Protein backbone atom coordinates (compact mmCIF):
# COMPACT_ATOMS: atom_id res chain seq x y z
CA UNK A 1 103.75 100.86 91.03
CA UNK A 2 101.35 99.12 93.38
CA UNK A 3 102.45 95.89 95.05
CA UNK A 4 100.80 92.66 94.00
CA UNK A 5 98.55 91.02 96.56
CA UNK A 6 98.85 87.51 97.94
CA UNK A 7 96.05 85.81 99.83
CA UNK A 8 97.19 83.11 102.27
CA UNK A 9 94.47 80.80 103.56
CA UNK A 10 95.60 78.80 106.55
CA UNK A 11 94.19 77.01 109.55
CA UNK A 12 97.42 77.46 111.47
CA UNK A 13 98.27 80.96 112.67
CA UNK A 14 99.42 82.39 116.00
CA UNK A 15 98.41 82.05 118.81
CA UNK A 16 97.95 78.41 117.81
CA UNK A 17 100.77 76.47 119.42
CA UNK A 18 101.30 73.89 116.68
CA UNK A 19 104.46 73.50 114.64
CA UNK A 20 102.36 74.11 111.50
CA UNK A 21 102.22 77.82 112.35
CA UNK A 22 105.78 78.49 111.26
CA UNK A 23 105.56 77.84 107.51
CA UNK A 24 102.87 80.43 106.67
CA UNK A 25 104.38 82.81 109.23
CA UNK A 26 107.77 82.66 107.46
CA UNK A 27 106.09 83.14 104.06
CA UNK A 28 104.54 86.36 105.32
CA UNK A 29 107.76 87.51 106.97
CA UNK A 30 109.78 87.30 103.76
CA UNK A 31 107.12 88.23 101.21
CA UNK A 32 105.76 91.33 102.97
CA UNK A 33 108.54 93.55 101.61
CA UNK A 34 107.44 93.13 97.98
CA UNK A 35 103.80 92.09 98.27
CA UNK A 36 100.65 93.08 100.12
CA UNK A 37 99.85 89.99 102.20
CA UNK A 38 96.34 89.12 103.35
CA UNK A 39 95.99 86.20 105.75
CA UNK A 40 92.61 84.49 106.11
CA UNK A 41 92.08 82.13 109.04
CA UNK A 42 88.62 80.52 109.39
CA UNK A 43 86.74 81.10 112.63
CA UNK A 44 86.45 77.35 113.21
CA UNK A 45 90.14 76.67 112.66
CA UNK A 46 90.19 74.03 115.39
CA UNK A 47 87.78 71.81 113.46
CA UNK A 48 89.18 69.58 110.73
CA UNK A 49 87.41 69.01 107.43
CA UNK A 50 86.71 65.31 107.24
CA UNK A 51 85.25 65.40 103.74
CA UNK A 52 85.42 67.86 100.87
CA UNK A 53 81.67 67.44 100.43
CA UNK A 54 81.13 68.59 104.01
CA UNK A 55 83.04 71.81 103.31
CA UNK A 56 80.78 74.82 102.99
CA UNK A 57 82.71 77.76 101.50
CA UNK A 58 81.96 81.24 102.79
CA UNK A 59 82.25 84.54 101.02
CA UNK A 60 84.24 87.24 102.72
CA UNK A 61 85.35 90.72 101.77
CA UNK A 62 89.08 91.08 101.33
């Protein structure tokens, strides 16, 4: 039976040095045994979204 897939979208992923890196990293560490994990980190991860209306979603192949 094929593993289920989980998509994690996060702005915080290594090599970022913030404390916020550890939560998604631990999710992947413990879920990877039973699930296929895909992590998506935007190219402009250093920029914060100030308004939802200013957010322009992009399509990407997974």
